[in-house]
Amino acid sequence: MTVKFKIMLAAAILILYASTYYSGYLKGWYAHSEHVNSQAKAKVKKAEKAVATGEQKAAAASTEAKVIYRTVYRDVVKYVNDPNRTVCRFDDGAVQLRQRAIDAANNIPGFDEPALQDK
């Protein structure tokens, strides 16, 4: 065997090992990619199910909720342009209207958590 033949044989063996390693690497990478994609699909399905449940709950609550529209005519400028801005005293009618709106929003059937703050 000549030196040239030995070098060619070593190069061929090296190329064979490198191609085998690379194909195994790609096979592992594709398997990992497929695993991650299947996990993502499962997560999306779970999220869609949770959203659908929430939407059904909201639709049921909105059909049962009674909406009362009232136009509030207040002089907002007197609260904003007051030089003593740290102290705001709202009249009892506005406070009662706000509290009734909060109570109505918190008593909508179909939702467990309160939607707004109590006071």
PDB file of N, CA and C in Angstrom:
ATOM      1  N   MET A   1       0.832  -1.167   0.000  1.00  0.00           N
ATOM      2  CA  MET A   1       0.000   0.000   0.000  1.00  0.00           C
ATOM      3  C   MET A   1       0.880   1.234   0.000  1.00  0.00           C
ATOM      4  N   THR A   2       0.489   2.105  -0.843  1.00  0.00           N
ATOM      5  CA  THR A   2       1.279   3.320  -0.951  1.00  0.00           C
ATOM      6  C   THR A   2       0.757   4.355   0.034  1.00  0.00           C
ATOM      7  N   VAL A   3       1.538   5.384   0.206  1.00  0.00           N
ATOM      8  CA  VAL A   3       1.178   6.470   1.114  1.00  0.00           C
ATOM      9  C   VAL A   3      -0.055   7.204   0.590  1.00  0.00           C
ATOM     10  N   LYS A   4      -0.120   7.376  -0.702  1.00  0.00           N
ATOM     11  CA  LYS A   4      -1.258   8.072  -1.304  1.00  0.00           C
ATOM     12  C   LYS A   4      -2.552   7.287  -1.055  1.00  0.00           C
ATOM     13  N   PHE A   5      -2.490   5.969  -1.191  1.00  0.00           N
ATOM     14  CA  PHE A   5      -3.653   5.126  -0.967  1.00  0.00           C
ATOM     15  C   PHE A   5      -4.092   5.184   0.498  1.00  0.00           C
ATOM     16  N   LYS A   6      -3.144   5.184   1.427  1.00  0.00           N
ATOM     17  CA  LYS A   6      -3.451   5.260   2.856  1.00  0.00           C
ATOM     18  C   LYS A   6      -4.123   6.592   3.209  1.00  0.00           C
ATOM     19  N   ILE A   7      -3.637   7.663   2.606  1.00  0.00           N
ATOM     20  CA  ILE A   7      -4.229   8.986   2.851  1.00  0.00           C
ATOM     21  C   ILE A   7      -5.647   9.037   2.296  1.00  0.00           C
ATOM     22  N   MET A   8      -5.852   8.475   1.111  1.00  0.00           N
ATOM     23  CA  MET A   8      -7.187   8.461   0.501  1.00  0.00           C
ATOM     24  C   MET A   8      -8.146   7.604   1.334  1.00  0.00           C
ATOM     25  N   LEU A   9      -7.661   6.471   1.842  1.00  0.00           N
ATOM     26  CA  LEU A   9      -8.479   5.598   2.662  1.00  0.00           C
ATOM     27  C   LEU A   9      -8.857   6.284   3.981  1.00  0.00           C
ATOM     28  N   ALA A  10      -7.908   6.965   4.600  1.00  0.00           N
ATOM     29  CA  ALA A  10      -8.177   7.692   5.843  1.00  0.00           C
ATOM     30  C   ALA A  10      -9.179   8.821   5.595  1.00  0.00           C
ATOM     31  N   ALA A  11      -9.047   9.519   4.484  1.00  0.00           N
ATOM     32  CA  ALA A  11      -9.977  10.598   4.145  1.00  0.00           C
ATOM     33  C   ALA A  11     -11.377  10.038   3.914  1.00  0.00           C
ATOM     34  N   ALA A  12     -11.482   8.902   3.238  1.00  0.00           N
ATOM     35  CA  ALA A  12     -12.784   8.286   2.980  1.00  0.00           C
ATOM     36  C   ALA A  12     -13.440   7.857   4.293  1.00  0.00           C
ATOM     37  N   ILE A  13     -12.653   7.264   5.187  1.00  0.00           N
ATOM     38  CA  ILE A  13     -13.194   6.851   6.485  1.00  0.00           C
ATOM     39  C   ILE A  13     -13.631   8.071   7.289  1.00  0.00           C
ATOM     40  N   LEU A  14     -12.846   9.132   7.255  1.00  0.00           N
ATOM     41  CA  LEU A  14     -13.195  10.367   7.959  1.00  0.00           C
ATOM     42  C   LEU A  14     -14.486  10.964   7.407  1.00  0.00           C
ATOM     43  N   ILE A  15     -14.630  10.966   6.095  1.00  0.00           N
ATOM     44  CA  ILE A  15     -15.851  11.481   5.470  1.00  0.00           C
ATOM     45  C   ILE A  15     -17.049  10.613   5.853  1.00  0.00           C
ATOM     46  N   LEU A  16     -16.862   9.296   5.907  1.00  0.00           N
ATOM     47  CA  LEU A  16     -17.929   8.390   6.298  1.00  0.00           C
ATOM     48  C   LEU A  16     -18.373   8.659   7.738  1.00  0.00           C
ATOM     49  N   TYR A  17     -17.410   8.799   8.654  1.00  0.00           N
ATOM     50  CA  TYR A  17     -17.739   9.114  10.050  1.00  0.00           C
ATOM     51  C   TYR A  17     -18.447  10.468  10.177  1.00  0.00           C
ATOM     52  N   ALA A  18     -17.963  11.468   9.457  1.00  0.00           N
ATOM     53  CA  ALA A  18     -18.556  12.804   9.536  1.00  0.00           C
ATOM     54  C   ALA A  18     -19.989  12.799   9.003  1.00  0.00           C
ATOM     55  N   SER A  19     -20.218  12.113   7.889  1.00  0.00           N
ATOM     56  CA  SER A  19     -21.573  12.084   7.327  1.00  0.00           C
ATOM     57  C   SER A  19     -22.523  11.295   8.230  1.00  0.00           C
ATOM     58  N   THR A  20     -22.027  10.220   8.848  1.00  0.00           N
ATOM     59  CA  THR A  20     -22.857   9.456   9.783  1.00  0.00           C
ATOM     60  C   THR A  20     -23.222  10.303  11.000  1.00  0.00           C
ATOM     61  N   TYR A  21     -22.236  11.021  11.535  1.00  0.00           N
ATOM     62  CA  TYR A  21     -22.490  11.894  12.688  1.00  0.00           C
ATOM     63  C   TYR A  21     -23.499  12.982  12.324  1.00  0.00           C
ATOM     64  N   TYR A  22     -23.325  13.586  11.158  1.00  0.00           N
ATOM     65  CA  TYR A  22     -24.207  14.676  10.738  1.00  0.00           C
ATOM     66  C   TYR A  22     -25.637  14.177  10.524  1.00  0.00           C
ATOM     67  N   SER A  23     -25.793  13.000   9.915  1.00  0.00           N
ATOM     68  CA  SER A  23     -27.148  12.476   9.706  1.00  0.00           C
ATOM     69  C   SER A  23     -27.807  12.133  11.043  1.00  0.00           C
ATOM     70  N   GLY A  24     -27.049  11.614  11.995  1.00  0.00           N
ATOM     71  CA  GLY A  24     -27.588  11.346  13.329  1.00  0.00           C
ATOM     72  C   GLY A  24     -27.969  12.631  14.044  1.00  0.00           C
ATOM     73  N   TYR A  25     -27.144  13.657  13.885  1.00  0.00           N
ATOM     74  CA  TYR A  25     -27.435  14.961  14.485  1.00  0.00           C
ATOM     75  C   TYR A  25     -28.739  15.522  13.926  1.00  0.00           C
ATOM     76  N   LEU A  26     -28.899  15.453  12.598  1.00  0.00           N
ATOM     77  CA  LEU A  26     -30.124  15.957  11.976  1.00  0.00           C
ATOM     78  C   LEU A  26     -31.345  15.157  12.426  1.00  0.00           C
ATOM     79  N   LYS A  27     -31.186  13.842  12.529  1.00  0.00           N
ATOM     80  CA  LYS A  27     -32.301  13.007  12.967  1.00  0.00           C
ATOM     81  C   LYS A  27     -32.734  13.389  14.386  1.00  0.00           C
ATOM     82  N   GLY A  28     -31.781  13.611  15.260  1.00  0.00           N
ATOM     83  CA  GLY A  28     -32.090  14.041  16.621  1.00  0.00           C
ATOM     84  C   GLY A  28     -32.720  15.419  16.653  1.00  0.00           C
ATOM     85  N   TRP A  29     -32.205  16.308  15.834  1.00  0.00           N
ATOM     86  CA  TRP A  29     -32.746  17.665  15.783  1.00  0.00           C
ATOM     87  C   TRP A  29     -34.196  17.652  15.298  1.00  0.00           C
ATOM     88  N   TYR A  30     -34.476  16.866  14.264  1.00  0.00           N
ATOM     89  CA  TYR A  30     -35.842  16.790  13.748  1.00  0.00           C
ATOM     90  C   TYR A  30     -36.785  16.152  14.769  1.00  0.00           C
ATOM     91  N   ALA A  31     -36.305  15.150  15.501  1.00  0.00           N
ATOM     92  CA  ALA A  31     -37.137  14.534  16.538  1.00  0.00           C
ATOM     93  C   ALA A  31     -37.443  15.544  17.641  1.00  0.00           C
ATOM     94  N   HIS A  32     -36.445  16.312  18.031  1.00  0.00           N
ATOM     95  CA  HIS A  32     -36.657  17.342  19.055  1.00  0.00           C
ATOM     96  C   HIS A  32     -37.632  18.408  18.555  1.00  0.00           C
ATOM     97  N   SER A  33     -37.472  18.812  17.315  1.00  0.00           N
ATOM     98  CA  SER A  33     -38.357  19.813  16.723  1.00  0.00           C
ATOM     99  C   SER A  33     -39.799  19.308  16.696  1.00  0.00           C
ATOM    100  N   GLU A  34     -39.982  18.061  16.329  1.00  0.00           N
ATOM    101  CA  GLU A  34     -41.321  17.484  16.287  1.00  0.00           C
ATOM    102  C   GLU A  34     -41.928  17.415  17.693  1.00  0.00           C
ATOM    103  N   HIS A  35     -41.110  17.079  18.673  1.00  0.00           N
ATOM    104  CA  HIS A  35     -41.571  17.021  20.067  1.00  0.00           C
ATOM    105  C   HIS A  35     -42.018  18.403  20.554  1.00  0.00           C
ATOM    106  N   VAL A  36     -41.230  19.414  20.272  1.00  0.00           N
ATOM    107  CA  VAL A  36     -41.570  20.780  20.694  1.00  0.00           C
ATOM    108  C   VAL A  36     -42.833  21.258  19.986  1.00  0.00           C
ATOM    109  N   ASN A  37     -42.967  20.937  18.708  1.00  0.00           N
ATOM    110  CA  ASN A  37     -44.169  21.346  17.968  1.00  0.00           C
ATOM    111  C   ASN A  37     -45.421  20.661  18.507  1.00  0.00           C
ATOM    112  N   SER A  38     -45.303  19.386  18.881  1.00  0.00           N
ATOM    113  CA  SER A  38     -46.469  18.694  19.443  1.00  0.00           C
ATOM    114  C   SER A  38     -46.847  19.288  20.799  1.00  0.00           C
ATOM    115  N   GLN A  39     -45.851  19.677  21.597  1.00  0.00           N
ATOM    116  CA  GLN A  39     -46.145  20.335  22.872  1.00  0.00           C
ATOM    117  C   GLN A  39     -46.844  21.675  22.639  1.00  0.00           C
ATOM    118  N   ALA A  40     -46.394  22.415  21.633  1.00  0.00           N
ATOM    119  CA  ALA A  40     -47.009  23.711  21.330  1.00  0.00           C
ATOM    120  C   ALA A  40     -48.456  23.531  20.875  1.00  0.00           C
ATOM    121  N   LYS A  41     -48.713  22.503  20.060  1.00  0.00           N
ATOM    122  CA  LYS A  41     -50.090  22.254  19.622  1.00  0.00           C
ATOM    123  C   LYS A  41     -50.991  21.915  20.801  1.00  0.00           C
ATOM    124  N   ALA A  42     -50.475  21.109  21.724  1.00  0.00           N
ATOM    125  CA  ALA A  42     -51.264  20.757  22.905  1.00  0.00           C
ATOM    126  C   ALA A  42     -51.544  21.992  23.755  1.00  0.00           C
ATOM    127  N   LYS A  43     -50.555  22.864  23.871  1.00  0.00           N
ATOM    128  CA  LYS A  43     -50.727  24.089  24.660  1.00  0.00           C
ATOM    129  C   LYS A  43     -51.759  25.010  24.006  1.00  0.00           C
ATOM    130  N   VAL A  44     -51.726  25.103  22.678  1.00  0.00           N
ATOM    131  CA  VAL A  44     -52.691  25.945  21.959  1.00  0.00           C
ATOM    132  C   VAL A  44     -54.107  25.394  22.134  1.00  0.00           C
ATOM    133  N   LYS A  45     -54.250  24.063  22.045  1.00  0.00           N
ATOM    134  CA  LYS A  45     -55.578  23.470  22.232  1.00  0.00           C
ATOM    135  C   LYS A  45     -56.107  23.754  23.631  1.00  0.00           C
ATOM    136  N   LYS A  46     -55.238  23.641  24.621  1.00  0.00           N
ATOM    137  CA  LYS A  46     -55.649  23.899  26.001  1.00  0.00           C
ATOM    138  C   LYS A  46     -56.051  25.363  26.173  1.00  0.00           C
ATOM    139  N   ALA A  47     -55.280  26.277  25.573  1.00  0.00           N
ATOM    140  CA  ALA A  47     -55.597  27.705  25.669  1.00  0.00           C
ATOM    141  C   ALA A  47     -56.911  28.019  24.956  1.00  0.00           C
ATOM    142  N   GLU A  48     -57.131  27.413  23.791  1.00  0.00           N
ATOM    143  CA  GLU A  48     -58.378  27.642  23.065  1.00  0.00           C
ATOM    144  C   GLU A  48     -59.577  27.141  23.869  1.00  0.00           C
ATOM    145  N   LYS A  49     -59.396  26.019  24.547  1.00  0.00           N
ATOM    146  CA  LYS A  49     -60.480  25.486  25.370  1.00  0.00           C
ATOM    147  C   LYS A  49     -60.796  26.433  26.523  1.00  0.00           C
ATOM    148  N   ALA A  50     -59.750  26.979  27.144  1.00  0.00           N
ATOM    149  CA  ALA A  50     -59.959  27.918  28.248  1.00  0.00           C
ATOM    150  C   ALA A  50     -60.637  29.194  27.758  1.00  0.00           C
ATOM    151  N   VAL A  51     -60.227  29.682  26.594  1.00  0.00           N
ATOM    152  CA  VAL A  51     -60.831  30.896  26.036  1.00  0.00           C
ATOM    153  C   VAL A  51     -62.291  30.639  25.675  1.00  0.00           C
ATOM    154  N   ALA A  52     -62.566  29.471  25.098  1.00  0.00           N
ATOM    155  CA  ALA A  52     -63.944  29.155  24.724  1.00  0.00           C
ATOM    156  C   ALA A  52     -64.838  29.088  25.962  1.00  0.00           C
ATOM    157  N   THR A  53     -64.317  28.519  27.047  1.00  0.00           N
ATOM    158  CA  THR A  53     -65.092  28.461  28.285  1.00  0.00           C
ATOM    159  C   THR A  53     -65.383  29.868  28.799  1.00  0.00           C
ATOM    160  N   GLY A  54     -64.376  30.722  28.788  1.00  0.00           N
ATOM    161  CA  GLY A  54     -64.568  32.104  29.231  1.00  0.00           C
ATOM    162  C   GLY A  54     -65.532  32.865  28.351  1.00  0.00           C
ATOM    163  N   GLU A  55     -65.462  32.626  27.046  1.00  0.00           N
ATOM    164  CA  GLU A  55     -66.378  33.308  26.131  1.00  0.00           C
ATOM    165  C   GLU A  55     -67.816  32.844  26.341  1.00  0.00           C
ATOM    166  N   GLN A  56     -68.001  31.560  26.587  1.00  0.00           N
ATOM    167  CA  GLN A  56     -69.350  31.061  26.855  1.00  0.00           C
ATOM    168  C   GLN A  56     -69.903  31.665  28.142  1.00  0.00           C
ATOM    169  N   LYS A  57     -69.048  31.758  29.135  1.00  0.00           N
ATOM    170  CA  LYS A  57     -69.449  32.353  30.409  1.00  0.00           C
ATOM    171  C   LYS A  57     -69.837  33.821  30.207  1.00  0.00           C
ATOM    172  N   ALA A  58     -69.029  34.538  29.441  1.00  0.00           N
ATOM    173  CA  ALA A  58     -69.302  35.954  29.190  1.00  0.00           C
ATOM    174  C   ALA A  58     -70.578  36.132  28.375  1.00  0.00           C
ATOM    175  N   ALA A  59     -70.795  35.258  27.390  1.00  0.00           N
ATOM    176  CA  ALA A  59     -72.004  35.365  26.580  1.00  0.00           C
ATOM    177  C   ALA A  59     -73.247  35.108  27.423  1.00  0.00           C
ATOM    178  N   ALA A  60     -73.166  34.116  28.296  1.00  0.00           N
ATOM    179  CA  ALA A  60     -74.312  33.829  29.164  1.00  0.00           C
ATOM    180  C   ALA A  60     -74.571  34.986  30.117  1.00  0.00           C
ATOM    181  N   ALA A  61     -73.513  35.565  30.646  1.00  0.00           N
ATOM    182  CA  ALA A  61     -73.678  36.681  31.577  1.00  0.00           C
ATOM    183  C   ALA A  61     -74.195  37.922  30.867  1.00  0.00           C
ATOM    184  N   SER A  62     -73.742  38.155  29.645  1.00  0.00           N
ATOM    185  CA  SER A  62     -74.192  39.359  28.941  1.00  0.00           C
ATOM    186  C   SER A  62     -75.651  39.251  28.515  1.00  0.00           C
ATOM    187  N   THR A  63     -76.124  38.034  28.259  1.00  0.00           N
ATOM    188  CA  THR A  63     -77.544  37.898  27.920  1.00  0.00           C
ATOM    189  C   THR A  63     -78.425  38.087  29.145  1.00  0.00           C
ATOM    190  N   GLU A  64     -77.890  37.757  30.333  1.00  0.00           N
ATOM    191  CA  GLU A  64     -78.672  37.912  31.555  1.00  0.00           C
ATOM    192  C   GLU A  64     -78.545  39.306  32.167  1.00  0.00           C
ATOM    193  N   ALA A  65     -77.532  40.031  31.784  1.00  0.00           N
ATOM    194  CA  ALA A  65     -77.295  41.344  32.392  1.00  0.00           C
ATOM    195  C   ALA A  65     -78.291  42.363  31.846  1.00  0.00           C
ATOM    196  N   LYS A  66     -78.711  43.236  32.709  1.00  0.00           N
ATOM    197  CA  LYS A  66     -79.638  44.300  32.333  1.00  0.00           C
ATOM    198  C   LYS A  66     -78.847  45.602  32.325  1.00  0.00           C
ATOM    199  N   VAL A  67     -78.853  46.279  31.202  1.00  0.00           N
ATOM    200  CA  VAL A  67     -78.075  47.502  31.053  1.00  0.00           C
ATOM    201  C   VAL A  67     -78.997  48.698  31.221  1.00  0.00           C
ATOM    202  N   ILE A  68     -78.589  49.597  32.080  1.00  0.00           N
ATOM    203  CA  ILE A  68     -79.337  50.837  32.293  1.00  0.00           C
ATOM    204  C   ILE A  68     -78.428  51.986  31.880  1.00  0.00           C
ATOM    205  N   TYR A  69     -78.868  52.741  30.894  1.00  0.00           N
ATOM    206  CA  TYR A  69     -78.090  53.880  30.425  1.00  0.00           C
ATOM    207  C   TYR A  69     -78.629  55.149  31.061  1.00  0.00           C
ATOM    208  N   ARG A  70     -77.733  55.921  31.628  1.00  0.00           N
ATOM    209  CA  ARG A  70     -78.106  57.218  32.179  1.00  0.00           C
ATOM    210  C   ARG A  70     -77.058  58.225  31.750  1.00  0.00           C
ATOM    211  N   THR A  71     -77.521  59.336  31.273  1.00  0.00           N
ATOM    212  CA  THR A  71     -76.608  60.403  30.902  1.00  0.00           C
ATOM    213  C   THR A  71     -76.360  61.260  32.128  1.00  0.00           C
ATOM    214  N   VAL A  72     -75.099  61.458  32.419  1.00  0.00           N
ATOM    215  CA  VAL A  72     -74.729  62.223  33.605  1.00  0.00           C
ATOM    216  C   VAL A  72     -74.293  63.604  33.145  1.00  0.00           C
ATOM    217  N   TYR A  73     -75.008  64.604  33.593  1.00  0.00           N
ATOM    218  CA  TYR A  73     -74.649  65.978  33.284  1.00  0.00           C
ATOM    219  C   TYR A  73     -74.038  66.583  34.538  1.00  0.00           C
ATOM    220  N   ARG A  74     -72.761  66.705  34.549  1.00  0.00           N
ATOM    221  CA  ARG A  74     -72.069  67.266  35.706  1.00  0.00           C
ATOM    222  C   ARG A  74     -71.093  68.331  35.217  1.00  0.00           C
ATOM    223  N   ASP A  75     -70.822  69.238  36.085  1.00  0.00           N
ATOM    224  CA  ASP A  75     -69.861  70.285  35.781  1.00  0.00           C
ATOM    225  C   ASP A  75     -68.481  69.777  36.194  1.00  0.00           C
ATOM    226  N   VAL A  76     -67.817  69.069  35.279  1.00  0.00           N
ATOM    227  CA  VAL A  76     -66.518  68.463  35.575  1.00  0.00           C
ATOM    228  C   VAL A  76     -65.452  69.528  35.734  1.00  0.00           C
ATOM    229  N   VAL A  77     -65.607  70.643  35.071  1.00  0.00           N
ATOM    230  CA  VAL A  77     -64.589  71.690  35.104  1.00  0.00           C
ATOM    231  C   VAL A  77     -64.377  72.211  36.521  1.00  0.00           C
ATOM    232  N   LYS A  78     -65.409  72.241  37.327  1.00  0.00           N
ATOM    233  CA  LYS A  78     -65.238  72.776  38.677  1.00  0.00           C
ATOM    234  C   LYS A  78     -64.335  71.887  39.530  1.00  0.00           C
ATOM    235  N   TYR A  79     -64.235  70.611  39.210  1.00  0.00           N
ATOM    236  CA  TYR A  79     -63.333  69.728  39.947  1.00  0.00           C
ATOM    237  C   TYR A  79     -61.900  69.835  39.430  1.00  0.00           C
ATOM    238  N   VAL A  80     -61.751  70.059  38.134  1.00  0.00           N
ATOM    239  CA  VAL A  80     -60.418  70.078  37.531  1.00  0.00           C
ATOM    240  C   VAL A  80     -59.725  71.420  37.739  1.00  0.00           C
ATOM    241  N   ASN A  81     -60.447  72.514  37.588  1.00  0.00           N
ATOM    242  CA  ASN A  81     -59.829  73.833  37.667  1.00  0.00           C
ATOM    243  C   ASN A  81     -59.723  74.371  39.086  1.00  0.00           C
ATOM    244  N   ASP A  82     -60.110  73.608  40.040  1.00  0.00           N
ATOM    245  CA  ASP A  82     -60.009  74.033  41.432  1.00  0.00           C
ATOM    246  C   ASP A  82     -58.532  74.111  41.820  1.00  0.00           C
ATOM    247  N   PRO A  83     -58.060  75.247  42.374  1.00  0.00           N
ATOM    248  CA  PRO A  83     -56.643  75.336  42.741  1.00  0.00           C
ATOM    249  C   PRO A  83     -56.266  74.376  43.867  1.00  0.00           C
ATOM    250  N   ASN A  84     -57.212  73.966  44.651  1.00  0.00           N
ATOM    251  CA  ASN A  84     -56.946  73.020  45.730  1.00  0.00           C
ATOM    252  C   ASN A  84     -57.262  71.608  45.213  1.00  0.00           C
ATOM    253  N   ARG A  85     -56.394  71.089  44.329  1.00  0.00           N
ATOM    254  CA  ARG A  85     -56.669  69.829  43.647  1.00  0.00           C
ATOM    255  C   ARG A  85     -56.516  68.607  44.532  1.00  0.00           C
ATOM    256  N   THR A  86     -55.845  68.745  45.639  1.00  0.00           N
ATOM    257  CA  THR A  86     -55.650  67.572  46.487  1.00  0.00           C
ATOM    258  C   THR A  86     -56.924  67.184  47.215  1.00  0.00           C
ATOM    259  N   VAL A  87     -57.854  68.099  47.343  1.00  0.00           N
ATOM    260  CA  VAL A  87     -59.106  67.806  48.030  1.00  0.00           C
ATOM    261  C   VAL A  87     -60.236  67.916  47.013  1.00  0.00           C
ATOM    262  N   CYS A  88     -60.839  66.788  46.669  1.00  0.00           N
ATOM    263  CA  CYS A  88     -61.981  66.778  45.755  1.00  0.00           C
ATOM    264  C   CYS A  88     -63.188  66.298  46.529  1.00  0.00           C
ATOM    265  N   ARG A  89     -64.212  67.110  46.552  1.00  0.00           N
ATOM    266  CA  ARG A  89     -65.444  66.728  47.238  1.00  0.00           C
ATOM    267  C   ARG A  89     -66.541  66.607  46.181  1.00  0.00           C
ATOM    268  N   PHE A  90     -66.947  65.381  45.923  1.00  0.00           N
ATOM    269  CA  PHE A  90     -67.990  65.133  44.942  1.00  0.00           C
ATOM    270  C   PHE A  90     -69.337  65.138  45.645  1.00  0.00           C
ATOM    271  N   ASP A  91     -70.355  65.543  44.916  1.00  0.00           N
ATOM    272  CA  ASP A  91     -71.674  65.574  45.533  1.00  0.00           C
ATOM    273  C   ASP A  91     -72.210  64.149  45.716  1.00  0.00           C
ATOM    274  N   ASP A  92     -73.192  64.023  46.584  1.00  0.00           N
ATOM    275  CA  ASP A  92     -73.716  62.709  46.956  1.00  0.00           C
ATOM    276  C   ASP A  92     -74.355  61.981  45.779  1.00  0.00           C
ATOM    277  N   GLY A  93     -74.964  62.713  44.873  1.00  0.00           N
ATOM    278  CA  GLY A  93     -75.601  62.082  43.712  1.00  0.00           C
ATOM    279  C   GLY A  93     -74.602  61.360  42.826  1.00  0.00           C
ATOM    280  N   ALA A  94     -73.455  61.992  42.587  1.00  0.00           N
ATOM    281  CA  ALA A  94     -72.435  61.364  41.747  1.00  0.00           C
ATOM    282  C   ALA A  94     -71.847  60.138  42.425  1.00  0.00           C
ATOM    283  N   VAL A  95     -71.628  60.236  43.728  1.00  0.00           N
ATOM    284  CA  VAL A  95     -71.070  59.100  44.465  1.00  0.00           C
ATOM    285  C   VAL A  95     -72.060  57.941  44.480  1.00  0.00           C
ATOM    286  N   GLN A  96     -73.345  58.233  44.680  1.00  0.00           N
ATOM    287  CA  GLN A  96     -74.349  57.176  44.692  1.00  0.00           C
ATOM    288  C   GLN A  96     -74.484  56.523  43.321  1.00  0.00           C
ATOM    289  N   LEU A  97     -74.421  57.330  42.263  1.00  0.00           N
ATOM    290  CA  LEU A  97     -74.513  56.795  40.912  1.00  0.00           C
ATOM    291  C   LEU A  97     -73.343  55.863  40.620  1.00  0.00           C
ATOM    292  N   ARG A  98     -72.152  56.269  41.032  1.00  0.00           N
ATOM    293  CA  ARG A  98     -70.962  55.434  40.836  1.00  0.00           C
ATOM    294  C   ARG A  98     -71.081  54.142  41.631  1.00  0.00           C
ATOM    295  N   GLN A  99     -71.523  54.231  42.863  1.00  0.00           N
ATOM    296  CA  GLN A  99     -71.641  53.040  43.701  1.00  0.00           C
ATOM    297  C   GLN A  99     -72.695  52.076  43.157  1.00  0.00           C
ATOM    298  N   ARG A 100     -73.806  52.613  42.632  1.00  0.00           N
ATOM    299  CA  ARG A 100     -74.819  51.737  42.041  1.00  0.00           C
ATOM    300  C   ARG A 100     -74.276  51.036  40.806  1.00  0.00           C
ATOM    301  N   ALA A 101     -73.471  51.742  40.002  1.00  0.00           N
ATOM    302  CA  ALA A 101     -72.872  51.123  38.815  1.00  0.00           C
ATOM    303  C   ALA A 101     -71.905  50.013  39.215  1.00  0.00           C
ATOM    304  N   ILE A 102     -71.109  50.255  40.261  1.00  0.00           N
ATOM    305  CA  ILE A 102     -70.170  49.230  40.731  1.00  0.00           C
ATOM    306  C   ILE A 102     -70.930  48.022  41.267  1.00  0.00           C
ATOM    307  N   ASP A 103     -71.974  48.259  42.053  1.00  0.00           N
ATOM    308  CA  ASP A 103     -72.762  47.156  42.604  1.00  0.00           C
ATOM    309  C   ASP A 103     -73.429  46.347  41.499  1.00  0.00           C
ATOM    310  N   ALA A 104     -73.939  47.031  40.479  1.00  0.00           N
ATOM    311  CA  ALA A 104     -74.577  46.323  39.368  1.00  0.00           C
ATOM    312  C   ALA A 104     -73.560  45.491  38.602  1.00  0.00           C
ATOM    313  N   ALA A 105     -72.362  46.033  38.401  1.00  0.00           N
ATOM    314  CA  ALA A 105     -71.332  45.285  37.679  1.00  0.00           C
ATOM    315  C   ALA A 105     -70.856  44.084  38.482  1.00  0.00           C
ATOM    316  N   ASN A 106     -70.809  44.213  39.788  1.00  0.00           N
ATOM    317  CA  ASN A 106     -70.347  43.104  40.620  1.00  0.00           C
ATOM    318  C   ASN A 106     -71.400  42.020  40.790  1.00  0.00           C
ATOM    319  N   ASN A 107     -72.646  42.328  40.525  1.00  0.00           N
ATOM    320  CA  ASN A 107     -73.713  41.348  40.720  1.00  0.00           C
ATOM    321  C   ASN A 107     -74.198  40.731  39.422  1.00  0.00           C
ATOM    322  N   ILE A 108     -73.402  40.788  38.366  1.00  0.00           N
ATOM    323  CA  ILE A 108     -73.773  40.131  37.115  1.00  0.00           C
ATOM    324  C   ILE A 108     -73.623  38.628  37.325  1.00  0.00           C
ATOM    325  N   PRO A 109     -74.667  37.842  37.082  1.00  0.00           N
ATOM    326  CA  PRO A 109     -74.546  36.399  37.298  1.00  0.00           C
ATOM    327  C   PRO A 109     -73.636  35.763  36.248  1.00  0.00           C
ATOM    328  N   GLY A 110     -72.913  34.748  36.656  1.00  0.00           N
ATOM    329  CA  GLY A 110     -72.061  34.019  35.721  1.00  0.00           C
ATOM    330  C   GLY A 110     -70.593  34.278  35.895  1.00  0.00           C
ATOM    331  N   PHE A 111     -70.226  35.230  36.694  1.00  0.00           N
ATOM    332  CA  PHE A 111     -68.817  35.510  36.922  1.00  0.00           C
ATOM    333  C   PHE A 111     -68.518  35.357  38.406  1.00  0.00           C
ATOM    334  N   ASP A 112     -67.391  34.739  38.700  1.00  0.00           N
ATOM    335  CA  ASP A 112     -67.038  34.491  40.099  1.00  0.00           C
ATOM    336  C   ASP A 112     -66.334  35.673  40.731  1.00  0.00           C
ATOM    337  N   GLU A 113     -65.376  36.243  40.011  1.00  0.00           N
ATOM    338  CA  GLU A 113     -64.592  37.329  40.575  1.00  0.00           C
ATOM    339  C   GLU A 113     -65.314  38.652  40.372  1.00  0.00           C
ATOM    340  N   PRO A 114     -65.185  39.561  41.319  1.00  0.00           N
ATOM    341  CA  PRO A 114     -65.785  40.882  41.117  1.00  0.00           C
ATOM    342  C   PRO A 114     -65.072  41.634  40.004  1.00  0.00           C
ATOM    343  N   ALA A 115     -65.855  42.324  39.193  1.00  0.00           N
ATOM    344  CA  ALA A 115     -65.288  43.016  38.050  1.00  0.00           C
ATOM    345  C   ALA A 115     -64.625  44.321  38.443  1.00  0.00           C
ATOM    346  N   LEU A 116     -65.185  45.012  39.427  1.00  0.00           N
ATOM    347  CA  LEU A 116     -64.670  46.315  39.814  1.00  0.00           C
ATOM    348  C   LEU A 116     -64.412  46.343  41.311  1.00  0.00           C
ATOM    349  N   GLN A 117     -63.733  47.376  41.728  1.00  0.00           N
ATOM    350  CA  GLN A 117     -63.485  47.530  43.161  1.00  0.00           C
ATOM    351  C   GLN A 117     -64.777  47.906  43.874  1.00  0.00           C
ATOM    352  N   ASP A 118     -64.863  47.539  45.142  1.00  0.00           N
ATOM    353  CA  ASP A 118     -66.086  47.837  45.895  1.00  0.00           C
ATOM    354  C   ASP A 118     -66.177  49.303  46.278  1.00  0.00           C
ATOM    355  N   LYS A 119     -65.092  49.864  46.746  1.00  0.00           N
ATOM    356  CA  LYS A 119     -65.103  51.276  47.122  1.00  0.00           C
ATOM    357  C   LYS A 119     -63.743  51.857  47.078  1.00  0.00           C
TER     358      LYS A 119
END
